[in-house]
N, C-alpha and C. Protein backbone atom coordinates (compact mmCIF):
# COMPACT_ATOMS: atom_id res chain seq x y z
N MET A 1 0.86 -1.18 0.00
CA MET A 1 0.00 0.00 0.00
C MET A 1 0.90 1.24 0.00
N ASP A 2 0.59 2.17 -0.90
CA ASP A 2 1.40 3.39 -0.93
C ASP A 2 0.77 4.46 -0.03
N TRP A 3 1.48 5.53 0.13
CA TRP A 3 1.07 6.60 1.06
C TRP A 3 -0.29 7.20 0.68
N ASP A 4 -0.53 7.42 -0.61
CA ASP A 4 -1.82 7.98 -1.04
C ASP A 4 -2.98 7.08 -0.65
N GLU A 5 -2.81 5.78 -0.80
CA GLU A 5 -3.87 4.85 -0.42
C GLU A 5 -4.12 4.88 1.08
N ALA A 6 -3.07 4.93 1.85
CA ALA A 6 -3.20 4.97 3.31
C ALA A 6 -3.91 6.25 3.74
N ARG A 7 -3.55 7.36 3.15
CA ARG A 7 -4.16 8.65 3.51
C ARG A 7 -5.60 8.74 2.99
N ALA A 8 -5.91 8.05 1.89
CA ALA A 8 -7.25 8.13 1.31
C ALA A 8 -8.30 7.56 2.25
N LYS A 9 -7.90 6.68 3.16
CA LYS A 9 -8.85 6.07 4.07
C LYS A 9 -9.10 6.90 5.32
N SER A 10 -8.43 8.04 5.42
CA SER A 10 -8.65 8.90 6.57
C SER A 10 -10.05 9.51 6.49
N PRO A 11 -10.64 9.85 7.63
CA PRO A 11 -12.00 10.40 7.62
C PRO A 11 -12.08 11.72 6.85
N SER A 12 -13.28 12.00 6.35
CA SER A 12 -13.49 13.23 5.59
C SER A 12 -13.25 14.45 6.46
N ARG A 13 -12.64 15.45 5.86
CA ARG A 13 -12.44 16.72 6.56
C ARG A 13 -13.39 17.73 5.96
N GLN A 14 -13.71 18.71 6.77
CA GLN A 14 -14.52 19.80 6.24
C GLN A 14 -13.65 20.63 5.31
N ILE A 15 -14.24 21.06 4.22
CA ILE A 15 -13.51 21.85 3.23
C ILE A 15 -13.56 23.31 3.62
N THR A 16 -12.40 23.94 3.58
CA THR A 16 -12.29 25.37 3.83
C THR A 16 -11.78 26.02 2.55
N VAL A 17 -12.56 26.93 2.01
CA VAL A 17 -12.16 27.62 0.78
C VAL A 17 -10.90 28.42 1.05
N GLY A 18 -9.93 28.30 0.17
CA GLY A 18 -8.69 29.06 0.28
C GLY A 18 -7.61 28.37 1.09
N GLU A 19 -7.90 27.19 1.63
CA GLU A 19 -6.88 26.52 2.44
C GLU A 19 -5.75 26.00 1.56
N ASP A 20 -4.60 25.78 2.16
CA ASP A 20 -3.42 25.26 1.47
C ASP A 20 -3.71 23.83 1.01
N LEU A 21 -3.53 23.58 -0.26
CA LEU A 21 -3.81 22.26 -0.83
C LEU A 21 -2.55 21.42 -1.01
N SER A 22 -1.40 21.98 -0.74
CA SER A 22 -0.13 21.30 -1.05
C SER A 22 0.05 20.01 -0.27
N GLY A 23 -0.59 19.87 0.87
CA GLY A 23 -0.43 18.65 1.67
C GLY A 23 -1.41 17.55 1.32
N LEU A 24 -2.30 17.79 0.36
CA LEU A 24 -3.30 16.80 0.01
C LEU A 24 -2.79 15.87 -1.07
N SER A 25 -3.20 14.61 -0.99
CA SER A 25 -2.81 13.63 -2.00
C SER A 25 -3.66 13.83 -3.25
N ILE A 26 -3.31 13.13 -4.30
CA ILE A 26 -4.08 13.18 -5.54
C ILE A 26 -5.51 12.72 -5.28
N GLU A 27 -5.68 11.63 -4.55
CA GLU A 27 -7.02 11.12 -4.26
C GLU A 27 -7.81 12.10 -3.40
N GLU A 28 -7.16 12.73 -2.44
CA GLU A 28 -7.84 13.73 -1.62
C GLU A 28 -8.29 14.91 -2.47
N LEU A 29 -7.46 15.33 -3.40
CA LEU A 29 -7.84 16.43 -4.29
C LEU A 29 -9.01 16.04 -5.19
N LYS A 30 -9.02 14.81 -5.69
CA LYS A 30 -10.13 14.33 -6.51
C LYS A 30 -11.42 14.29 -5.70
N ARG A 31 -11.34 13.79 -4.47
CA ARG A 31 -12.53 13.74 -3.60
C ARG A 31 -13.01 15.14 -3.29
N ARG A 32 -12.07 16.05 -3.09
CA ARG A 32 -12.43 17.45 -2.80
C ARG A 32 -13.19 18.05 -3.98
N ILE A 33 -12.72 17.81 -5.18
CA ILE A 33 -13.40 18.32 -6.38
C ILE A 33 -14.81 17.76 -6.45
N GLU A 34 -14.98 16.46 -6.24
CA GLU A 34 -16.31 15.85 -6.29
C GLU A 34 -17.22 16.42 -5.20
N THR A 35 -16.68 16.62 -4.02
CA THR A 35 -17.47 17.20 -2.93
C THR A 35 -17.90 18.62 -3.29
N LEU A 36 -17.00 19.40 -3.86
CA LEU A 36 -17.34 20.77 -4.25
C LEU A 36 -18.36 20.79 -5.38
N LYS A 37 -18.24 19.88 -6.33
CA LYS A 37 -19.23 19.80 -7.41
C LYS A 37 -20.61 19.48 -6.85
N ASP A 38 -20.66 18.53 -5.91
CA ASP A 38 -21.93 18.18 -5.27
C ASP A 38 -22.50 19.38 -4.52
N GLU A 39 -21.64 20.13 -3.88
CA GLU A 39 -22.10 21.31 -3.14
C GLU A 39 -22.62 22.39 -4.09
N ILE A 40 -21.97 22.55 -5.23
CA ILE A 40 -22.44 23.53 -6.22
C ILE A 40 -23.85 23.15 -6.69
N VAL A 41 -24.07 21.89 -6.97
CA VAL A 41 -25.40 21.43 -7.39
C VAL A 41 -26.43 21.73 -6.29
N ARG A 42 -26.07 21.46 -5.06
CA ARG A 42 -26.97 21.71 -3.93
C ARG A 42 -27.29 23.19 -3.78
N VAL A 43 -26.28 24.04 -3.89
CA VAL A 43 -26.47 25.49 -3.76
C VAL A 43 -27.29 26.04 -4.92
N GLU A 44 -27.02 25.56 -6.13
CA GLU A 44 -27.79 26.01 -7.29
C GLU A 44 -29.27 25.63 -7.15
N ALA A 45 -29.55 24.45 -6.63
CA ALA A 45 -30.94 24.02 -6.42
C ALA A 45 -31.63 24.92 -5.40
N GLU A 46 -30.94 25.25 -4.34
CA GLU A 46 -31.52 26.14 -3.32
C GLU A 46 -31.73 27.54 -3.88
N LEU A 47 -30.80 28.02 -4.67
CA LEU A 47 -30.94 29.33 -5.30
C LEU A 47 -32.17 29.35 -6.21
N GLU A 48 -32.31 28.33 -7.02
CA GLU A 48 -33.47 28.24 -7.92
C GLU A 48 -34.77 28.20 -7.13
N ARG A 49 -34.78 27.46 -6.03
CA ARG A 49 -35.97 27.38 -5.19
C ARG A 49 -36.33 28.76 -4.65
N LYS A 50 -35.34 29.50 -4.21
CA LYS A 50 -35.59 30.83 -3.65
C LYS A 50 -36.02 31.83 -4.72
N VAL A 51 -35.45 31.73 -5.90
CA VAL A 51 -35.85 32.61 -7.00
C VAL A 51 -37.31 32.36 -7.36
N ARG A 52 -37.70 31.08 -7.45
CA ARG A 52 -39.10 30.75 -7.74
C ARG A 52 -40.03 31.26 -6.63
N HIS A 53 -39.61 31.09 -5.39
CA HIS A 53 -40.40 31.56 -4.25
C HIS A 53 -40.57 33.08 -4.30
N GLU A 54 -39.50 33.78 -4.58
CA GLU A 54 -39.55 35.24 -4.66
C GLU A 54 -40.47 35.69 -5.80
N ALA A 55 -40.39 35.01 -6.94
CA ALA A 55 -41.24 35.37 -8.08
C ALA A 55 -42.71 35.13 -7.74
N ALA A 56 -42.99 34.03 -7.04
CA ALA A 56 -44.37 33.75 -6.65
C ALA A 56 -44.87 34.79 -5.66
N ALA A 57 -44.04 35.18 -4.71
CA ALA A 57 -44.43 36.20 -3.74
C ALA A 57 -44.64 37.54 -4.42
N SER A 58 -43.78 37.89 -5.34
CA SER A 58 -43.92 39.15 -6.08
C SER A 58 -45.22 39.17 -6.88
N ALA A 59 -45.54 38.06 -7.52
CA ALA A 59 -46.77 37.98 -8.29
C ALA A 59 -48.00 38.10 -7.39
N LEU A 60 -47.93 37.52 -6.21
CA LEU A 60 -49.03 37.55 -5.27
C LEU A 60 -49.29 38.96 -4.74
N PHE A 61 -48.22 39.67 -4.45
CA PHE A 61 -48.35 40.99 -3.84
C PHE A 61 -48.23 42.14 -4.83
N LYS A 62 -48.18 41.81 -6.10
CA LYS A 62 -48.06 42.84 -7.14
C LYS A 62 -49.31 43.72 -7.12
N SER A 63 -49.08 45.02 -7.07
CA SER A 63 -50.23 45.93 -7.04
C SER A 63 -50.84 46.04 -8.43
N LYS A 64 -52.14 46.17 -8.44
CA LYS A 64 -52.85 46.22 -9.73
C LYS A 64 -53.18 47.63 -10.11
């Protein structure tokens, strides 16, 4: 087993934007990218939900 494999089994860490990446293995960097992609999808879905909610509220309270 090489060092990257041994480190890959370590528990997940919380991602901090802007943190130093030099100490991460290739597998850790790949997992980080996948985690960030998943988070982007989650944030975009929430944004879309809020935009739709705001549009519905605006239509409801729109003065005639």
